[in-house]
Amino acid sequence: MADVVSFRFTEDEIAHIQKVAGEKKVDKTTAARELIEYGWNYYILTQYRLGKLSLEKTAKELHIPMTDLLDLLAELGIQSPIQYEDYLEGLKNI
């Protein structure tokens, strides 16, 4: 069961929610949930791009298979933060 959480939004945030709700023809609660999910996805992808998350952890946090993550990263132009030298060093440790 979902928890009930109360937020106080700024006028700009309310406007964003209303715009998404109108464009997608959904209620404001659904629009707010979608925007929160988009924000979470952006945060996780940024953490990956900065090298703070592995591919496996990124896929897990986004709730998608690794193959879908690789397609998404390519689509967004996000390159792996691991350099070739780091990859070779990792192979030595296997």
PDB file of N, CA and C in Angstrom:
ATOM      1  N   MET A   1       0.836  -1.180   0.000  1.00  0.00           N
ATOM      2  CA  MET A   1       0.000   0.000   0.000  1.00  0.00           C
ATOM      3  C   MET A   1       0.881   1.244   0.000  1.00  0.00           C
ATOM      4  N   ALA A   2       0.478   2.250  -0.718  1.00  0.00           N
ATOM      5  CA  ALA A   2       1.253   3.480  -0.835  1.00  0.00           C
ATOM      6  C   ALA A   2       1.077   4.344   0.405  1.00  0.00           C
ATOM      7  N   ASP A   3       2.136   5.037   0.776  1.00  0.00           N
ATOM      8  CA  ASP A   3       2.080   5.993   1.874  1.00  0.00           C
ATOM      9  C   ASP A   3       1.489   7.298   1.381  1.00  0.00           C
ATOM     10  N   VAL A   4       0.815   7.992   2.263  1.00  0.00           N
ATOM     11  CA  VAL A   4       0.301   9.321   1.946  1.00  0.00           C
ATOM     12  C   VAL A   4       1.354  10.329   2.380  1.00  0.00           C
ATOM     13  N   VAL A   5       1.765  11.198   1.441  1.00  0.00           N
ATOM     14  CA  VAL A   5       2.774  12.208   1.710  1.00  0.00           C
ATOM     15  C   VAL A   5       2.228  13.550   1.255  1.00  0.00           C
ATOM     16  N   SER A   6       2.460  14.561   2.057  1.00  0.00           N
ATOM     17  CA  SER A   6       1.977  15.901   1.729  1.00  0.00           C
ATOM     18  C   SER A   6       3.156  16.775   1.308  1.00  0.00           C
ATOM     19  N   PHE A   7       2.983  17.546   0.232  1.00  0.00           N
ATOM     20  CA  PHE A   7       4.019  18.451  -0.260  1.00  0.00           C
ATOM     21  C   PHE A   7       3.466  19.861  -0.374  1.00  0.00           C
ATOM     22  N   ARG A   8       4.338  20.828  -0.236  1.00  0.00           N
ATOM     23  CA  ARG A   8       3.997  22.212  -0.545  1.00  0.00           C
ATOM     24  C   ARG A   8       4.805  22.577  -1.795  1.00  0.00           C
ATOM     25  N   PHE A   9       4.102  22.843  -2.893  1.00  0.00           N
ATOM     26  CA  PHE A   9       4.753  23.160  -4.153  1.00  0.00           C
ATOM     27  C   PHE A   9       4.750  24.661  -4.388  1.00  0.00           C
ATOM     28  N   THR A  10       5.787  25.131  -5.079  1.00  0.00           N
ATOM     29  CA  THR A  10       5.823  26.533  -5.491  1.00  0.00           C
ATOM     30  C   THR A  10       4.866  26.721  -6.665  1.00  0.00           C
ATOM     31  N   GLU A  11       4.607  27.966  -7.011  1.00  0.00           N
ATOM     32  CA  GLU A  11       3.731  28.241  -8.159  1.00  0.00           C
ATOM     33  C   GLU A  11       4.294  27.635  -9.435  1.00  0.00           C
ATOM     34  N   ASP A  12       5.612  27.735  -9.617  1.00  0.00           N
ATOM     35  CA  ASP A  12       6.241  27.162 -10.813  1.00  0.00           C
ATOM     36  C   ASP A  12       6.074  25.644 -10.852  1.00  0.00           C
ATOM     37  N   GLU A  13       6.261  24.995  -9.707  1.00  0.00           N
ATOM     38  CA  GLU A  13       6.116  23.540  -9.661  1.00  0.00           C
ATOM     39  C   GLU A  13       4.677  23.122  -9.969  1.00  0.00           C
ATOM     40  N   ILE A  14       3.714  23.858  -9.429  1.00  0.00           N
ATOM     41  CA  ILE A  14       2.301  23.580  -9.723  1.00  0.00           C
ATOM     42  C   ILE A  14       2.038  23.761 -11.215  1.00  0.00           C
ATOM     43  N   ALA A  15       2.626  24.810 -11.800  1.00  0.00           N
ATOM     44  CA  ALA A  15       2.440  25.058 -13.237  1.00  0.00           C
ATOM     45  C   ALA A  15       3.004  23.902 -14.060  1.00  0.00           C
ATOM     46  N   HIS A  16       4.158  23.378 -13.656  1.00  0.00           N
ATOM     47  CA  HIS A  16       4.751  22.235 -14.366  1.00  0.00           C
ATOM     48  C   HIS A  16       3.831  21.019 -14.280  1.00  0.00           C
ATOM     49  N   ILE A  17       3.321  20.764 -13.094  1.00  0.00           N
ATOM     50  CA  ILE A  17       2.420  19.621 -12.895  1.00  0.00           C
ATOM     51  C   ILE A  17       1.157  19.784 -13.737  1.00  0.00           C
ATOM     52  N   GLN A  18       0.587  20.985 -13.723  1.00  0.00           N
ATOM     53  CA  GLN A  18      -0.633  21.230 -14.494  1.00  0.00           C
ATOM     54  C   GLN A  18      -0.381  21.099 -15.992  1.00  0.00           C
ATOM     55  N   LYS A  19       0.790  21.555 -16.441  1.00  0.00           N
ATOM     56  CA  LYS A  19       1.112  21.451 -17.863  1.00  0.00           C
ATOM     57  C   LYS A  19       1.206  19.985 -18.289  1.00  0.00           C
ATOM     58  N   VAL A  20       1.913  19.188 -17.503  1.00  0.00           N
ATOM     59  CA  VAL A  20       2.031  17.763 -17.822  1.00  0.00           C
ATOM     60  C   VAL A  20       0.662  17.092 -17.765  1.00  0.00           C
ATOM     61  N   ALA A  21      -0.120  17.420 -16.748  1.00  0.00           N
ATOM     62  CA  ALA A  21      -1.462  16.836 -16.615  1.00  0.00           C
ATOM     63  C   ALA A  21      -2.317  17.159 -17.835  1.00  0.00           C
ATOM     64  N   GLY A  22      -2.258  18.398 -18.292  1.00  0.00           N
ATOM     65  CA  GLY A  22      -3.036  18.798 -19.461  1.00  0.00           C
ATOM     66  C   GLY A  22      -2.562  18.141 -20.741  1.00  0.00           C
ATOM     67  N   GLU A  23      -1.245  18.109 -20.937  1.00  0.00           N
ATOM     68  CA  GLU A  23      -0.692  17.517 -22.155  1.00  0.00           C
ATOM     69  C   GLU A  23      -0.947  16.014 -22.235  1.00  0.00           C
ATOM     70  N   LYS A  24      -0.869  15.338 -21.099  1.00  0.00           N
ATOM     71  CA  LYS A  24      -1.044  13.883 -21.093  1.00  0.00           C
ATOM     72  C   LYS A  24      -2.470  13.460 -20.758  1.00  0.00           C
ATOM     73  N   LYS A  25      -3.296  14.448 -20.465  1.00  0.00           N
ATOM     74  CA  LYS A  25      -4.699  14.182 -20.112  1.00  0.00           C
ATOM     75  C   LYS A  25      -4.809  13.217 -18.927  1.00  0.00           C
ATOM     76  N   VAL A  26      -4.070  13.546 -17.869  1.00  0.00           N
ATOM     77  CA  VAL A  26      -4.107  12.780 -16.623  1.00  0.00           C
ATOM     78  C   VAL A  26      -4.367  13.745 -15.470  1.00  0.00           C
ATOM     79  N   ASP A  27      -4.673  13.193 -14.308  1.00  0.00           N
ATOM     80  CA  ASP A  27      -4.894  14.058 -13.152  1.00  0.00           C
ATOM     81  C   ASP A  27      -3.553  14.574 -12.615  1.00  0.00           C
ATOM     82  N   LYS A  28      -3.622  15.582 -11.757  1.00  0.00           N
ATOM     83  CA  LYS A  28      -2.405  16.211 -11.240  1.00  0.00           C
ATOM     84  C   LYS A  28      -1.559  15.249 -10.404  1.00  0.00           C
ATOM     85  N   THR A  29      -2.196  14.348  -9.694  1.00  0.00           N
ATOM     86  CA  THR A  29      -1.441  13.380  -8.892  1.00  0.00           C
ATOM     87  C   THR A  29      -0.599  12.479  -9.788  1.00  0.00           C
ATOM     88  N   THR A  30      -1.194  11.992 -10.859  1.00  0.00           N
ATOM     89  CA  THR A  30      -0.463  11.143 -11.805  1.00  0.00           C
ATOM     90  C   THR A  30       0.672  11.925 -12.454  1.00  0.00           C
ATOM     91  N   ALA A  31       0.402  13.172 -12.831  1.00  0.00           N
ATOM     92  CA  ALA A  31       1.437  14.013 -13.439  1.00  0.00           C
ATOM     93  C   ALA A  31       2.588  14.239 -12.464  1.00  0.00           C
ATOM     94  N   ALA A  32       2.279  14.509 -11.199  1.00  0.00           N
ATOM     95  CA  ALA A  32       3.326  14.723 -10.193  1.00  0.00           C
ATOM     96  C   ALA A  32       4.160  13.459 -10.011  1.00  0.00           C
ATOM     97  N   ARG A  33       3.502  12.307  -9.984  1.00  0.00           N
ATOM     98  CA  ARG A  33       4.234  11.037  -9.860  1.00  0.00           C
ATOM     99  C   ARG A  33       5.169  10.826 -11.050  1.00  0.00           C
ATOM    100  N   GLU A  34       4.680  11.120 -12.247  1.00  0.00           N
ATOM    101  CA  GLU A  34       5.516  10.963 -13.444  1.00  0.00           C
ATOM    102  C   GLU A  34       6.726  11.888 -13.388  1.00  0.00           C
ATOM    103  N   LEU A  35       6.516  13.127 -12.966  1.00  0.00           N
ATOM    104  CA  LEU A  35       7.631  14.067 -12.876  1.00  0.00           C
ATOM    105  C   LEU A  35       8.648  13.625 -11.830  1.00  0.00           C
ATOM    106  N   ILE A  36       8.179  13.091 -10.715  1.00  0.00           N
ATOM    107  CA  ILE A  36       9.097  12.574  -9.696  1.00  0.00           C
ATOM    108  C   ILE A  36       9.899  11.414 -10.267  1.00  0.00           C
ATOM    109  N   GLU A  37       9.246  10.524 -11.004  1.00  0.00           N
ATOM    110  CA  GLU A  37       9.940   9.383 -11.611  1.00  0.00           C
ATOM    111  C   GLU A  37      10.967   9.849 -12.650  1.00  0.00           C
ATOM    112  N   TYR A  38      10.600  10.839 -13.467  1.00  0.00           N
ATOM    113  CA  TYR A  38      11.556  11.396 -14.431  1.00  0.00           C
ATOM    114  C   TYR A  38      12.761  11.996 -13.708  1.00  0.00           C
ATOM    115  N   GLY A  39      12.504  12.693 -12.624  1.00  0.00           N
ATOM    116  CA  GLY A  39      13.595  13.276 -11.835  1.00  0.00           C
ATOM    117  C   GLY A  39      14.503  12.212 -11.254  1.00  0.00           C
ATOM    118  N   TRP A  40      13.910  11.133 -10.761  1.00  0.00           N
ATOM    119  CA  TRP A  40      14.695  10.028 -10.215  1.00  0.00           C
ATOM    120  C   TRP A  40      15.568   9.410 -11.304  1.00  0.00           C
ATOM    121  N   ASN A  41      14.972   9.163 -12.469  1.00  0.00           N
ATOM    122  CA  ASN A  41      15.730   8.588 -13.581  1.00  0.00           C
ATOM    123  C   ASN A  41      16.889   9.491 -13.977  1.00  0.00           C
ATOM    124  N   TYR A  42      16.644  10.798 -14.036  1.00  0.00           N
ATOM    125  CA  TYR A  42      17.704  11.751 -14.376  1.00  0.00           C
ATOM    126  C   TYR A  42      18.817  11.691 -13.331  1.00  0.00           C
ATOM    127  N   TYR A  43      18.434  11.664 -12.070  1.00  0.00           N
ATOM    128  CA  TYR A  43      19.414  11.604 -10.984  1.00  0.00           C
ATOM    129  C   TYR A  43      20.281  10.347 -11.113  1.00  0.00           C
ATOM    130  N   ILE A  44      19.656   9.208 -11.325  1.00  0.00           N
ATOM    131  CA  ILE A  44      20.394   7.947 -11.429  1.00  0.00           C
ATOM    132  C   ILE A  44      21.312   7.956 -12.649  1.00  0.00           C
ATOM    133  N   LEU A  45      20.823   8.426 -13.787  1.00  0.00           N
ATOM    134  CA  LEU A  45      21.664   8.482 -14.991  1.00  0.00           C
ATOM    135  C   LEU A  45      22.836   9.439 -14.800  1.00  0.00           C
ATOM    136  N   THR A  46      22.616  10.531 -14.103  1.00  0.00           N
ATOM    137  CA  THR A  46      23.697  11.475 -13.813  1.00  0.00           C
ATOM    138  C   THR A  46      24.739  10.826 -12.907  1.00  0.00           C
ATOM    139  N   GLN A  47      24.282  10.084 -11.900  1.00  0.00           N
ATOM    140  CA  GLN A  47      25.216   9.393 -11.008  1.00  0.00           C
ATOM    141  C   GLN A  47      26.058   8.386 -11.788  1.00  0.00           C
ATOM    142  N   TYR A  48      25.456   7.691 -12.743  1.00  0.00           N
ATOM    143  CA  TYR A  48      26.203   6.759 -13.584  1.00  0.00           C
ATOM    144  C   TYR A  48      27.232   7.511 -14.430  1.00  0.00           C
ATOM    145  N   ARG A  49      26.783   8.604 -15.057  1.00  0.00           N
ATOM    146  CA  ARG A  49      27.679   9.380 -15.923  1.00  0.00           C
ATOM    147  C   ARG A  49      28.883   9.899 -15.148  1.00  0.00           C
ATOM    148  N   LEU A  50      28.690  10.215 -13.870  1.00  0.00           N
ATOM    149  CA  LEU A  50      29.777  10.716 -13.027  1.00  0.00           C
ATOM    150  C   LEU A  50      30.648   9.595 -12.464  1.00  0.00           C
ATOM    151  N   GLY A  51      30.286   8.347 -12.761  1.00  0.00           N
ATOM    152  CA  GLY A  51      31.072   7.215 -12.293  1.00  0.00           C
ATOM    153  C   GLY A  51      30.741   6.778 -10.875  1.00  0.00           C
ATOM    154  N   LYS A  52      29.636   7.253 -10.335  1.00  0.00           N
ATOM    155  CA  LYS A  52      29.269   6.909  -8.960  1.00  0.00           C
ATOM    156  C   LYS A  52      28.414   5.648  -8.866  1.00  0.00           C
ATOM    157  N   LEU A  53      27.898   5.178 -10.001  1.00  0.00           N
ATOM    158  CA  LEU A  53      27.105   3.950 -10.042  1.00  0.00           C
ATOM    159  C   LEU A  53      27.622   3.047 -11.151  1.00  0.00           C
ATOM    160  N   SER A  54      27.584   1.759 -10.905  1.00  0.00           N
ATOM    161  CA  SER A  54      27.945   0.785 -11.934  1.00  0.00           C
ATOM    162  C   SER A  54      26.771   0.599 -12.888  1.00  0.00           C
ATOM    163  N   LEU A  55      27.041  -0.063 -14.001  1.00  0.00           N
ATOM    164  CA  LEU A  55      25.962  -0.398 -14.934  1.00  0.00           C
ATOM    165  C   LEU A  55      24.898  -1.239 -14.238  1.00  0.00           C
ATOM    166  N   GLU A  56      25.343  -2.223 -13.479  1.00  0.00           N
ATOM    167  CA  GLU A  56      24.404  -3.122 -12.804  1.00  0.00           C
ATOM    168  C   GLU A  56      23.518  -2.362 -11.818  1.00  0.00           C
ATOM    169  N   LYS A  57      24.122  -1.507 -11.004  1.00  0.00           N
ATOM    170  CA  LYS A  57      23.358  -0.738 -10.014  1.00  0.00           C
ATOM    171  C   LYS A  57      22.417   0.244 -10.706  1.00  0.00           C
ATOM    172  N   THR A  58      22.860   0.845 -11.803  1.00  0.00           N
ATOM    173  CA  THR A  58      22.021   1.782 -12.551  1.00  0.00           C
ATOM    174  C   THR A  58      20.791   1.071 -13.099  1.00  0.00           C
ATOM    175  N   ALA A  59      20.993  -0.087 -13.709  1.00  0.00           N
ATOM    176  CA  ALA A  59      19.864  -0.863 -14.242  1.00  0.00           C
ATOM    177  C   ALA A  59      18.902  -1.247 -13.124  1.00  0.00           C
ATOM    178  N   LYS A  60      19.450  -1.650 -11.989  1.00  0.00           N
ATOM    179  CA  LYS A  60      18.613  -2.047 -10.855  1.00  0.00           C
ATOM    180  C   LYS A  60      17.793  -0.860 -10.347  1.00  0.00           C
ATOM    181  N   GLU A  61      18.421   0.302 -10.203  1.00  0.00           N
ATOM    182  CA  GLU A  61      17.721   1.491  -9.698  1.00  0.00           C
ATOM    183  C   GLU A  61      16.643   1.975 -10.666  1.00  0.00           C
ATOM    184  N   LEU A  62      16.862   1.763 -11.966  1.00  0.00           N
ATOM    185  CA  LEU A  62      15.877   2.178 -12.974  1.00  0.00           C
ATOM    186  C   LEU A  62      14.841   1.088 -13.251  1.00  0.00           C
ATOM    187  N   HIS A  63      15.034  -0.086 -12.647  1.00  0.00           N
ATOM    188  CA  HIS A  63      14.108  -1.215 -12.814  1.00  0.00           C
ATOM    189  C   HIS A  63      13.970  -1.635 -14.282  1.00  0.00           C
ATOM    190  N   ILE A  64      15.129  -1.693 -14.967  1.00  0.00           N
ATOM    191  CA  ILE A  64      15.134  -2.121 -16.363  1.00  0.00           C
ATOM    192  C   ILE A  64      16.255  -3.136 -16.579  1.00  0.00           C
ATOM    193  N   PRO A  65      16.104  -4.015 -17.579  1.00  0.00           N
ATOM    194  CA  PRO A  65      17.175  -4.965 -17.890  1.00  0.00           C
ATOM    195  C   PRO A  65      18.423  -4.236 -18.392  1.00  0.00           C
ATOM    196  N   MET A  66      19.560  -4.877 -18.209  1.00  0.00           N
ATOM    197  CA  MET A  66      20.836  -4.294 -18.623  1.00  0.00           C
ATOM    198  C   MET A  66      20.825  -3.931 -20.109  1.00  0.00           C
ATOM    199  N   THR A  67      20.238  -4.785 -20.953  1.00  0.00           N
ATOM    200  CA  THR A  67      20.216  -4.500 -22.392  1.00  0.00           C
ATOM    201  C   THR A  67      19.426  -3.225 -22.687  1.00  0.00           C
ATOM    202  N   ASP A  68      18.322  -3.019 -21.970  1.00  0.00           N
ATOM    203  CA  ASP A  68      17.545  -1.785 -22.154  1.00  0.00           C
ATOM    204  C   ASP A  68      18.334  -0.575 -21.678  1.00  0.00           C
ATOM    205  N   LEU A  69      19.091  -0.741 -20.591  1.00  0.00           N
ATOM    206  CA  LEU A  69      19.917   0.365 -20.099  1.00  0.00           C
ATOM    207  C   LEU A  69      20.974   0.740 -21.133  1.00  0.00           C
ATOM    208  N   LEU A  70      21.620  -0.254 -21.720  1.00  0.00           N
ATOM    209  CA  LEU A  70      22.641   0.032 -22.733  1.00  0.00           C
ATOM    210  C   LEU A  70      22.038   0.775 -23.918  1.00  0.00           C
ATOM    211  N   ASP A  71      20.841   0.369 -24.338  1.00  0.00           N
ATOM    212  CA  ASP A  71      20.151   1.075 -25.424  1.00  0.00           C
ATOM    213  C   ASP A  71      19.825   2.508 -25.016  1.00  0.00           C
ATOM    214  N   LEU A  72      19.343   2.698 -23.784  1.00  0.00           N
ATOM    215  CA  LEU A  72      18.999   4.029 -23.289  1.00  0.00           C
ATOM    216  C   LEU A  72      20.224   4.931 -23.220  1.00  0.00           C
ATOM    217  N   LEU A  73      21.334   4.401 -22.710  1.00  0.00           N
ATOM    218  CA  LEU A  73      22.564   5.191 -22.620  1.00  0.00           C
ATOM    219  C   LEU A  73      23.037   5.618 -24.007  1.00  0.00           C
ATOM    220  N   ALA A  74      22.959   4.712 -24.973  1.00  0.00           N
ATOM    221  CA  ALA A  74      23.355   5.041 -26.345  1.00  0.00           C
ATOM    222  C   ALA A  74      22.425   6.097 -26.926  1.00  0.00           C
ATOM    223  N   GLU A  75      21.125   5.936 -26.688  1.00  0.00           N
ATOM    224  CA  GLU A  75      20.134   6.891 -27.191  1.00  0.00           C
ATOM    225  C   GLU A  75      20.367   8.291 -26.622  1.00  0.00           C
ATOM    226  N   LEU A  76      20.758   8.356 -25.352  1.00  0.00           N
ATOM    227  CA  LEU A  76      20.988   9.645 -24.693  1.00  0.00           C
ATOM    228  C   LEU A  76      22.408  10.168 -24.886  1.00  0.00           C
ATOM    229  N   GLY A  77      23.264   9.361 -25.511  1.00  0.00           N
ATOM    230  CA  GLY A  77      24.640   9.790 -25.746  1.00  0.00           C
ATOM    231  C   GLY A  77      25.490   9.804 -24.490  1.00  0.00           C
ATOM    232  N   ILE A  78      25.132   8.986 -23.512  1.00  0.00           N
ATOM    233  CA  ILE A  78      25.895   8.916 -22.262  1.00  0.00           C
ATOM    234  C   ILE A  78      26.944   7.830 -22.412  1.00  0.00           C
ATOM    235  N   GLN A  79      28.194   8.241 -22.319  1.00  0.00           N
ATOM    236  CA  GLN A  79      29.287   7.288 -22.454  1.00  0.00           C
ATOM    237  C   GLN A  79      29.690   6.773 -21.082  1.00  0.00           C
ATOM    238  N   SER A  80      30.285   5.601 -21.070  1.00  0.00           N
ATOM    239  CA  SER A  80      30.750   5.015 -19.822  1.00  0.00           C
ATOM    240  C   SER A  80      31.839   5.895 -19.219  1.00  0.00           C
ATOM    241  N   PRO A  81      31.769   6.141 -17.913  1.00  0.00           N
ATOM    242  CA  PRO A  81      32.803   6.949 -17.275  1.00  0.00           C
ATOM    243  C   PRO A  81      34.107   6.181 -17.074  1.00  0.00           C
ATOM    244  N   ILE A  82      34.111   4.877 -17.369  1.00  0.00           N
ATOM    245  CA  ILE A  82      35.303   4.061 -17.184  1.00  0.00           C
ATOM    246  C   ILE A  82      36.217   4.216 -18.396  1.00  0.00           C
ATOM    247  N   GLN A  83      37.459   4.547 -18.146  1.00  0.00           N
ATOM    248  CA  GLN A  83      38.444   4.696 -19.209  1.00  0.00           C
ATOM    249  C   GLN A  83      38.998   3.320 -19.587  1.00  0.00           C
ATOM    250  N   TYR A  84      39.552   3.226 -20.776  1.00  0.00           N
ATOM    251  CA  TYR A  84      40.083   1.963 -21.275  1.00  0.00           C
ATOM    252  C   TYR A  84      41.170   1.421 -20.349  1.00  0.00           C
ATOM    253  N   GLU A  85      41.985   2.306 -19.807  1.00  0.00           N
ATOM    254  CA  GLU A  85      43.052   1.894 -18.898  1.00  0.00           C
ATOM    255  C   GLU A  85      42.469   1.253 -17.634  1.00  0.00           C
ATOM    256  N   ASP A  86      41.366   1.810 -17.139  1.00  0.00           N
ATOM    257  CA  ASP A  86      40.701   1.240 -15.965  1.00  0.00           C
ATOM    258  C   ASP A  86      40.164  -0.152 -16.279  1.00  0.00           C
ATOM    259  N   TYR A  87      39.632  -0.305 -17.474  1.00  0.00           N
ATOM    260  CA  TYR A  87      39.115  -1.601 -17.916  1.00  0.00           C
ATOM    261  C   TYR A  87      40.241  -2.635 -17.936  1.00  0.00           C
ATOM    262  N   LEU A  88      41.389  -2.261 -18.516  1.00  0.00           N
ATOM    263  CA  LEU A  88      42.525  -3.178 -18.580  1.00  0.00           C
ATOM    264  C   LEU A  88      43.018  -3.531 -17.182  1.00  0.00           C
ATOM    265  N   GLU A  89      43.043  -2.553 -16.297  1.00  0.00           N
ATOM    266  CA  GLU A  89      43.464  -2.803 -14.917  1.00  0.00           C
ATOM    267  C   GLU A  89      42.506  -3.779 -14.237  1.00  0.00           C
ATOM    268  N   GLY A  90      41.223  -3.632 -14.517  1.00  0.00           N
ATOM    269  CA  GLY A  90      40.230  -4.542 -13.957  1.00  0.00           C
ATOM    270  C   GLY A  90      40.424  -5.968 -14.441  1.00  0.00           C
ATOM    271  N   LEU A  91      40.828  -6.120 -15.699  1.00  0.00           N
ATOM    272  CA  LEU A  91      41.074  -7.458 -16.238  1.00  0.00           C
ATOM    273  C   LEU A  91      42.230  -8.147 -15.520  1.00  0.00           C
ATOM    274  N   LYS A  92      43.217  -7.355 -15.092  1.00  0.00           N
ATOM    275  CA  LYS A  92      44.359  -7.929 -14.371  1.00  0.00           C
ATOM    276  C   LYS A  92      43.926  -8.516 -13.032  1.00  0.00           C
ATOM    277  N   ASN A  93      42.876  -7.966 -12.463  1.00  0.00           N
ATOM    278  CA  ASN A  93      42.424  -8.400 -11.139  1.00  0.00           C
ATOM    279  C   ASN A  93      41.496  -9.608 -11.178  1.00  0.00           C
ATOM    280  N   ILE A  94      41.192 -10.069 -12.375  1.00  0.00           N
ATOM    281  CA  ILE A  94      40.283 -11.226 -12.495  1.00  0.00           C
ATOM    282  C   ILE A  94      41.034 -12.508 -12.249  1.00  0.00           C
TER     283      ILE A  94
END
